[in-house]
Amino acid sequence: MEGALSNVVVLDLTRVLAGPFCSMMMADMGATVIKIENPKGGADERSMGPFKEGVSAYSMNLNRNKKAVTLNLKDPKGKGIFLGMLEKADVVLENFRPGTMEKLGLGYEALKKVNPGIVYGAISGFGHTGRYSKRPGYDIIAQAMGGLMSTTGWPGGEATRTGTAMGDVLGGLSCAIGVLAALNSRARTGQGQKVDIALVDSVVASLEIINMIYFVEGRIPERIGNRYESTYPYDSFRASDGSLVIGAGNNKLWQDLARTMGREDLLQDPRFNESKDRVAHHEVLRGIVEDWTSRQTVEEIYGKLDRAGVPCAPIYSIDQVAADPHIAGDREMFVECEHPIAGRLKLTGSHLKLSGTPASIRTPAPELGQHNNEVYGSMLGYTAEQVAELKREGVL
């Protein structure tokens, strides 16, 4: 079955996480993603752990379903080869520091002269415009300057980076959305465009209510642990054998929670009438809820609240996520694959569930330059001998 993007050809110059995550999603949805790497060592993520049989699992997860070629873009011949491929491509993805592609003569303004329909997706720390545009940017920079770290953690504690690279992931998601929107626009106008994504912007956009608290109330949101600013009880609570989260996000759910706790009297307490009241008195309410939860196990609490329709969940460790029959089984969020060197391993499945053209993992992450003959042969008509000669010259 063809994927939703089976008619799209992507030239992928990205490395590490944000860019490869973007192109991974497009490849999972059927796009022909050609990963173009420097002949000397390849993309950075190939050297990032963990490793299985000497192969980076970091890379194997991000680069599945892609074709890999080597190309020296600093070589005039390499630049010419890239421009030849550009004529048959729909999308170019890069996450170099702004100005790098322009120095190579391969920035968007140059590329659109060769292919006016090209969609150029660029991910960087601070974007391609503005006074900070030339600054280097990594996930931790985006989380710090985007405001996420300042609101993550416990009251009185240090600002905390999220457990995974959410700045990079948000940037990759944002770029994929922008590129798909630009492809839709091209279908109407015939013209491509540049999609300029900043990691910092992506983090700022994700803060939603945090930003609005400052602009509306003039208050700077601080670290509040697992509590939510806009409704309560929406927090983690101690049980007799661990912790769980409860998300009574509106008045009805609060009422259902109170009844399940056997505390219908709380429904007459004016301190807890509306969400804003419960937020204002969250410390008192937390004590009341935790007095109930602390005398029961996580499983007992979950059973009662789930039957009552109150959102709640155990706080899973990753081994529990991987063993959950809904997440790992029904939703196929972990998929077993065969890699020619690493052997059998599980990768994170696609979270994009399309009913008619489902995303899938079809091929393992390629070795460096694995598809040189195939790609250069099909796109540019090169023979195996020509490819071998270009490799000897250091172009490939």
Protein backbone atom coordinates (compact mmCIF):
# COMPACT_ATOMS: atom_id res chain seq x y z
CA MET A 1 0.00 0.00 0.00
CA GLU A 2 1.34 3.42 -0.96
CA GLY A 3 1.83 5.99 1.75
CA ALA A 4 0.17 9.39 1.84
CA LEU A 5 3.40 11.06 0.66
CA SER A 6 4.46 8.45 -1.91
CA ASN A 7 4.61 11.13 -4.63
CA VAL A 8 7.03 13.35 -2.67
CA VAL A 9 10.84 13.29 -3.06
CA VAL A 10 12.85 14.80 -0.19
CA LEU A 11 16.55 15.71 -0.27
CA ASP A 12 17.47 15.45 3.39
CA LEU A 13 20.62 17.27 4.52
CA THR A 14 19.71 17.20 8.20
CA ARG A 15 21.49 15.61 11.12
CA VAL A 16 21.16 14.83 14.85
CA LEU A 17 17.47 15.08 15.85
CA ALA A 18 15.13 17.91 14.84
CA GLY A 19 15.68 17.56 11.09
CA PRO A 20 15.93 13.75 10.99
CA PHE A 21 12.75 13.53 13.12
CA CYS A 22 10.94 15.67 10.53
CA SER A 23 12.17 13.59 7.58
CA MET A 24 11.50 10.36 9.50
CA MET A 25 7.82 11.24 9.76
CA MET A 26 7.69 12.03 6.05
CA ALA A 27 9.47 8.76 5.20
CA ASP A 28 7.10 6.79 7.43
CA MET A 29 4.24 8.31 5.44
CA GLY A 30 5.74 7.10 2.17
CA ALA A 31 7.94 9.95 0.94
CA THR A 32 11.15 9.04 -0.86
CA VAL A 33 13.65 10.56 1.55
CA ILE A 34 17.22 10.66 0.27
CA LYS A 35 19.58 11.27 3.17
CA ILE A 36 22.61 13.13 1.83
CA GLU A 37 25.70 12.82 4.06
CA ASN A 38 29.30 13.93 4.03
CA PRO A 39 31.46 11.06 2.74
CA LYS A 40 33.75 11.46 5.75
CA GLY A 41 31.86 9.98 8.70
CA GLY A 42 28.31 10.78 7.69
CA ALA A 43 25.68 12.51 9.81
CA ASP A 44 26.42 13.24 13.47
CA GLU A 45 23.76 10.88 14.80
CA ARG A 46 25.63 7.85 13.45
CA SER A 47 28.11 8.31 16.30
CA MET A 48 25.51 8.82 19.03
CA GLY A 49 24.50 6.04 21.43
CA PRO A 50 23.07 3.70 22.43
CA PHE A 51 24.70 1.14 20.13
CA LYS A 52 23.80 -2.38 19.10
CA GLU A 53 26.47 -4.46 17.36
CA GLY A 54 28.36 -1.21 16.87
CA VAL A 55 25.45 0.52 15.08
CA SER A 56 23.81 3.62 16.55
CA ALA A 57 20.26 2.90 17.69
CA TYR A 58 19.78 6.69 17.76
CA SER A 59 20.38 6.67 14.01
CA MET A 60 18.50 3.45 13.32
CA ASN A 61 15.32 4.87 14.83
CA LEU A 62 15.48 8.25 13.07
CA ASN A 63 16.66 7.08 9.65
CA ARG A 64 14.43 4.09 8.92
CA ASN A 65 12.69 4.10 5.53
CA LYS A 66 15.32 6.46 4.05
CA LYS A 67 17.84 6.01 1.26
CA ALA A 68 21.41 7.08 2.03
CA VAL A 69 23.89 8.66 -0.36
CA THR A 70 27.19 10.42 0.19
CA LEU A 71 27.97 13.78 -1.40
CA ASN A 72 30.60 16.46 -0.81
CA LEU A 73 28.72 19.73 -1.23
CA LYS A 74 31.95 21.73 -0.98
CA ASP A 75 33.22 20.12 -4.18
CA PRO A 76 32.08 21.86 -7.40
CA LYS A 77 31.14 18.49 -8.89
CA GLY A 78 29.22 17.63 -5.73
CA LYS A 79 27.34 20.90 -5.93
CA GLY A 80 26.46 20.18 -9.55
CA ILE A 81 25.19 16.72 -8.65
CA PHE A 82 23.00 18.18 -5.91
CA LEU A 83 21.49 20.72 -8.32
CA GLY A 84 20.79 17.91 -10.76
CA MET A 85 18.91 16.02 -8.05
CA LEU A 86 17.11 19.21 -7.06
CA GLU A 87 15.37 19.35 -10.43
CA LYS A 88 13.59 16.09 -9.60
CA ALA A 89 12.89 16.82 -5.93
CA ASP A 90 9.94 18.36 -4.11
CA VAL A 91 11.50 19.21 -0.75
CA VAL A 92 14.93 20.13 0.62
CA LEU A 93 15.45 19.84 4.38
CA GLU A 94 18.45 21.29 6.23
CA ASN A 95 19.29 22.23 9.80
CA PHE A 96 22.62 23.98 9.42
CA ARG A 97 23.35 27.28 11.10
CA PRO A 98 21.76 30.07 8.98
CA GLY A 99 24.14 31.24 6.29
CA THR A 100 25.86 27.87 5.80
CA MET A 101 23.88 26.88 2.72
CA GLU A 102 24.28 30.38 1.29
CA LYS A 103 28.08 30.11 1.62
CA LEU A 104 27.88 26.91 -0.41
CA GLY A 105 25.80 28.70 -3.04
CA LEU A 106 22.87 26.43 -2.18
CA GLY A 107 20.58 28.68 -0.15
CA TYR A 108 16.89 28.95 -0.95
CA GLU A 109 17.26 31.95 -3.27
CA ALA A 110 19.75 30.00 -5.40
CA LEU A 111 17.79 26.75 -5.34
CA LYS A 112 14.46 28.26 -6.37
CA LYS A 113 16.10 29.54 -9.57
CA VAL A 114 16.80 25.93 -10.49
CA ASN A 115 13.47 24.57 -9.25
CA PRO A 116 10.83 27.26 -8.55
CA GLY A 117 8.55 24.63 -7.04
CA ILE A 118 11.00 23.48 -4.38
CA VAL A 119 9.82 23.59 -0.76
CA TYR A 120 12.82 24.45 1.39
CA GLY A 121 12.49 23.43 5.04
CA ALA A 122 15.11 24.97 7.33
CA ILE A 123 15.41 24.28 11.06
CA SER A 124 17.78 26.31 13.23
CA GLY A 125 18.12 27.46 16.80
CA PHE A 126 16.81 30.99 16.36
CA GLY A 127 15.48 31.11 12.79
CA HIS A 128 16.79 32.63 9.54
CA THR A 129 15.74 36.21 10.41
CA GLY A 130 16.37 38.41 13.42
CA ARG A 131 19.37 39.52 15.43
CA TYR A 132 20.02 36.08 16.96
CA SER A 133 19.81 34.19 13.68
CA LYS A 134 23.51 33.35 13.50
CA ARG A 135 23.68 31.98 17.03
CA PRO A 136 24.16 28.22 17.38
CA GLY A 137 21.18 26.38 18.79
CA TYR A 138 20.60 23.00 20.38
CA ASP A 139 17.61 21.57 22.21
CA ILE A 140 18.83 22.71 25.63
CA ILE A 141 19.29 26.26 24.28
CA ALA A 142 15.72 26.26 22.99
CA GLN A 143 14.31 24.95 26.25
CA ALA A 144 16.25 27.58 28.21
CA MET A 145 15.50 30.65 26.08
CA GLY A 146 12.01 29.52 25.07
CA GLY A 147 10.89 29.56 28.72
CA LEU A 148 10.20 25.84 29.12
CA MET A 149 12.98 25.17 31.63
CA SER A 150 11.90 28.02 33.89
CA THR A 151 8.51 26.39 34.46
CA THR A 152 9.69 22.77 34.69
CA GLY A 153 10.56 21.33 38.09
CA TRP A 154 9.50 21.80 41.69
CA PRO A 155 8.96 25.01 43.65
CA GLY A 156 12.26 26.27 44.96
CA GLY A 157 14.21 23.85 42.79
CA GLU A 158 16.46 24.40 39.80
CA ALA A 159 15.06 25.04 36.33
CA THR A 160 14.87 21.64 34.67
CA ARG A 161 15.25 20.36 31.13
CA THR A 162 12.49 17.95 30.10
CA GLY A 163 13.46 14.28 30.12
CA THR A 164 13.76 14.14 26.35
CA ALA A 165 14.75 16.73 23.74
CA MET A 166 11.36 18.38 23.41
CA GLY A 167 12.78 21.50 21.75
CA ASP A 168 14.15 19.37 18.92
CA VAL A 169 11.00 17.26 18.67
CA LEU A 170 8.77 20.35 18.58
CA GLY A 171 11.01 21.84 15.89
CA GLY A 172 10.79 18.67 13.80
CA LEU A 173 7.02 18.50 14.14
CA SER A 174 6.69 22.19 13.26
CA CYS A 175 8.85 21.78 10.17
CA ALA A 176 6.83 18.80 8.96
CA ILE A 177 3.60 20.76 9.35
CA GLY A 178 5.07 23.78 7.55
CA VAL A 179 6.46 21.68 4.70
CA LEU A 180 3.15 19.88 4.17
CA ALA A 181 1.32 23.22 4.17
CA ALA A 182 3.79 24.58 1.61
CA LEU A 183 3.30 21.50 -0.59
CA ASN A 184 -0.45 22.08 -0.47
CA SER A 185 0.08 25.72 -1.44
CA ARG A 186 2.32 24.62 -4.33
CA ALA A 187 -0.44 22.32 -5.59
CA ARG A 188 -2.58 25.45 -6.03
CA THR A 189 0.02 27.97 -7.20
CA GLY A 190 2.89 25.95 -8.66
CA GLN A 191 5.31 27.90 -6.48
CA GLY A 192 7.43 26.55 -3.68
CA GLN A 193 8.55 28.53 -0.64
CA LYS A 194 10.90 28.57 2.32
CA VAL A 195 9.73 27.15 5.64
CA ASP A 196 11.80 28.80 8.39
CA ILE A 197 11.53 26.98 11.74
CA ALA A 198 13.33 28.04 14.92
CA LEU A 199 13.67 25.67 17.85
CA VAL A 200 13.17 28.58 20.25
CA ASP A 201 9.99 29.69 18.44
CA SER A 202 8.65 26.14 18.59
CA VAL A 203 9.17 26.00 22.35
CA VAL A 204 7.62 29.44 22.86
CA ALA A 205 4.55 28.40 20.85
CA SER A 206 4.16 25.25 22.96
CA LEU A 207 3.90 27.17 26.24
CA GLU A 208 0.32 28.28 25.46
CA ILE A 209 -1.24 29.15 28.87
CA ILE A 210 2.15 30.03 30.39
CA ASN A 211 2.49 32.92 27.96
CA MET A 212 -1.09 34.08 28.50
CA ILE A 213 -0.73 34.16 32.28
CA TYR A 214 2.09 36.67 31.88
CA PHE A 215 0.33 38.83 29.28
CA VAL A 216 -3.06 38.85 31.03
CA GLU A 217 -2.09 38.84 34.71
CA GLY A 218 1.41 40.30 34.54
CA ARG A 219 2.56 37.34 36.65
CA ILE A 220 5.67 35.34 35.78
CA PRO A 221 4.76 31.64 36.01
CA GLU A 222 7.12 29.66 38.20
CA ARG A 223 7.87 26.00 38.75
CA ILE A 224 4.87 24.27 40.28
CA GLY A 225 5.76 20.59 39.99
CA ASN A 226 3.09 18.47 38.30
CA ARG A 227 0.24 20.86 38.99
CA TYR A 228 -1.49 22.76 36.18
CA GLU A 229 -2.07 26.51 36.31
CA SER A 230 -5.64 26.57 35.00
CA THR A 231 -7.55 23.77 36.73
CA TYR A 232 -7.40 21.50 39.78
CA PRO A 233 -7.15 18.66 40.86
CA TYR A 234 -4.77 18.16 37.94
CA ASP A 235 -1.63 16.82 39.59
CA SER A 236 0.28 13.79 40.82
CA PHE A 237 -0.72 12.21 44.11
CA ARG A 238 0.92 9.67 46.42
CA ALA A 239 -0.61 6.23 46.80
CA SER A 240 0.40 3.60 49.33
CA ASP A 241 2.73 1.94 46.81
CA GLY A 242 3.77 4.76 44.48
CA SER A 243 2.17 7.70 42.71
CA LEU A 244 -0.39 8.37 40.02
CA VAL A 245 -1.84 11.38 38.23
CA ILE A 246 -5.42 12.59 38.34
CA GLY A 247 -6.78 15.04 35.78
CA ALA A 248 -10.14 16.34 36.95
CA GLY A 249 -10.08 19.06 34.34
CA ASN A 250 -13.61 20.45 34.63
CA ASN A 251 -16.48 20.79 37.10
CA LYS A 252 -18.18 17.52 36.19
CA LEU A 253 -14.98 15.54 36.58
CA TRP A 254 -14.32 17.22 39.92
CA GLN A 255 -17.81 16.24 41.05
CA ASP A 256 -17.27 12.65 39.91
CA LEU A 257 -13.97 12.55 41.77
CA ALA A 258 -15.48 13.90 44.97
CA ARG A 259 -18.29 11.32 44.83
CA THR A 260 -15.82 8.50 44.17
CA MET A 261 -13.83 9.64 47.20
CA GLY A 262 -17.02 9.57 49.29
CA ARG A 263 -16.68 13.31 49.86
CA GLU A 264 -19.86 14.77 48.41
CA ASP A 265 -19.66 17.38 51.17
CA LEU A 266 -16.85 19.03 49.22
CA LEU A 267 -19.34 19.88 46.47
CA GLN A 268 -20.99 22.36 48.87
CA ASP A 269 -17.70 23.98 49.82
CA PRO A 270 -17.42 27.39 48.05
CA ARG A 271 -13.63 27.03 47.95
CA PHE A 272 -14.05 24.29 45.36
CA ASN A 273 -17.05 25.44 43.29
CA GLU A 274 -15.29 26.41 40.08
CA SER A 275 -11.91 25.64 38.48
CA LYS A 276 -10.54 29.04 39.48
CA ASP A 277 -11.60 28.43 43.08
CA ARG A 278 -9.97 25.03 43.20
CA VAL A 279 -6.77 26.46 41.71
CA ALA A 280 -6.75 29.20 44.36
CA HIS A 281 -7.11 26.58 47.10
CA HIS A 282 -5.01 23.87 45.50
CA GLU A 283 -2.86 23.26 48.58
CA VAL A 284 -5.85 22.46 50.76
CA LEU A 285 -7.47 20.36 48.05
CA ARG A 286 -4.29 18.46 47.38
CA GLY A 287 -4.16 17.43 51.04
CA ILE A 288 -7.75 16.20 50.92
CA VAL A 289 -7.25 14.16 47.75
CA GLU A 290 -3.94 12.74 48.92
CA ASP A 291 -5.45 11.71 52.24
CA TRP A 292 -7.72 9.46 50.16
CA THR A 293 -5.12 8.21 47.71
CA SER A 294 -2.40 7.53 50.26
CA ARG A 295 -4.47 4.79 51.90
CA GLN A 296 -4.84 2.78 48.68
CA THR A 297 -2.64 1.26 46.00
CA VAL A 298 -2.22 2.78 42.56
CA GLU A 299 -4.17 -0.13 41.07
CA GLU A 300 -7.07 0.29 43.51
CA ILE A 301 -7.31 4.03 42.87
CA TYR A 302 -7.04 3.61 39.13
CA GLY A 303 -9.80 1.01 39.10
CA LYS A 304 -12.21 3.23 41.02
CA LEU A 305 -11.52 6.41 39.09
CA ASP A 306 -11.49 4.71 35.70
CA ARG A 307 -14.93 3.19 36.38
CA ALA A 308 -16.16 6.65 37.37
CA GLY A 309 -14.80 8.17 34.17
CA VAL A 310 -12.28 10.39 35.94
CA PRO A 311 -9.02 10.72 33.94
CA CYS A 312 -6.17 9.13 35.88
CA ALA A 313 -3.06 7.11 35.15
CA PRO A 314 -0.15 5.36 36.79
CA ILE A 315 3.20 7.07 36.26
CA TYR A 316 4.92 4.61 33.95
CA SER A 317 8.61 3.95 33.65
CA ILE A 318 9.75 3.20 30.10
CA ASP A 319 9.68 -0.57 30.63
CA GLN A 320 6.04 -0.25 31.64
CA VAL A 321 5.27 1.86 28.57
CA ALA A 322 6.89 -0.81 26.39
CA ALA A 323 4.84 -3.55 28.05
CA ASP A 324 1.47 -1.81 27.98
CA PRO A 325 -0.93 -3.79 25.75
CA HIS A 326 -2.68 -0.67 24.45
CA ILE A 327 0.38 1.49 23.72
CA ALA A 328 2.74 -1.23 22.53
CA GLY A 329 0.12 -3.60 21.18
CA ASP A 330 -3.08 -1.96 19.95
CA ARG A 331 -1.43 1.31 18.93
CA GLU A 332 1.78 -0.34 17.64
CA MET A 333 4.06 2.26 19.16
CA PHE A 334 6.99 -0.18 19.25
CA VAL A 335 7.72 -2.15 16.10
CA GLU A 336 10.18 -5.00 15.66
CA CYS A 337 12.53 -4.60 12.71
CA GLU A 338 15.47 -6.49 11.23
CA HIS A 339 18.71 -4.59 10.64
CA PRO A 340 21.41 -6.26 8.53
CA ILE A 341 24.14 -5.55 11.11
CA ALA A 342 22.37 -4.90 14.42
CA GLY A 343 19.90 -7.74 13.91
CA ARG A 344 16.46 -7.80 15.48
CA LEU A 345 15.50 -4.70 17.45
CA LYS A 346 12.49 -2.61 18.37
CA LEU A 347 12.02 0.91 17.04
CA THR A 348 9.51 3.53 18.08
CA GLY A 349 6.54 3.22 15.74
CA SER A 350 4.78 6.08 13.99
CA HIS A 351 2.33 8.08 16.08
CA LEU A 352 0.58 9.23 12.89
CA LYS A 353 -2.37 6.91 12.31
CA LEU A 354 -3.93 7.35 8.85
CA SER A 355 -6.84 5.05 8.04
CA GLY A 356 -6.38 4.85 4.27
CA THR A 357 -2.62 5.27 3.84
CA PRO A 358 -1.08 4.12 7.12
CA ALA A 359 2.44 5.12 8.05
CA SER A 360 4.79 2.18 8.44
CA ILE A 361 8.39 1.09 8.92
CA ARG A 362 9.32 -0.70 5.71
CA THR A 363 13.11 -0.66 5.54
CA PRO A 364 15.89 -0.37 8.14
CA ALA A 365 18.11 2.68 8.46
CA PRO A 366 20.69 2.52 5.65
CA GLU A 367 24.44 2.33 5.98
CA LEU A 368 26.46 5.36 4.91
CA GLY A 369 26.24 5.69 1.12
CA GLN A 370 24.29 2.44 0.77
CA HIS A 371 22.11 3.74 -2.06
CA ASN A 372 24.69 5.68 -4.08
CA ASN A 373 24.35 3.46 -7.15
CA GLU A 374 20.55 3.24 -6.95
CA VAL A 375 19.85 6.94 -6.37
CA TYR A 376 22.43 8.43 -8.70
CA GLY A 377 21.52 5.87 -11.32
CA SER A 378 17.76 6.49 -11.19
CA MET A 379 17.86 10.27 -10.72
CA LEU A 380 20.86 11.24 -12.86
CA GLY A 381 21.51 8.19 -15.06
CA TYR A 382 24.98 7.50 -13.63
CA THR A 383 26.50 4.09 -14.21
CA ALA A 384 28.14 2.08 -11.44
CA GLU A 385 31.52 2.93 -12.98
CA GLN A 386 30.75 6.66 -12.86
CA VAL A 387 29.67 6.41 -9.24
CA ALA A 388 32.86 4.53 -8.38
CA GLU A 389 34.98 7.18 -10.10
CA LEU A 390 33.24 10.00 -8.25
CA LYS A 391 33.87 8.13 -5.02
CA ARG A 392 37.58 7.86 -5.85
CA GLU A 393 37.64 11.60 -6.49
CA GLY A 394 36.15 12.31 -3.06
CA VAL A 395 32.92 13.71 -4.49
CA LEU A 396 30.82 10.85 -3.13
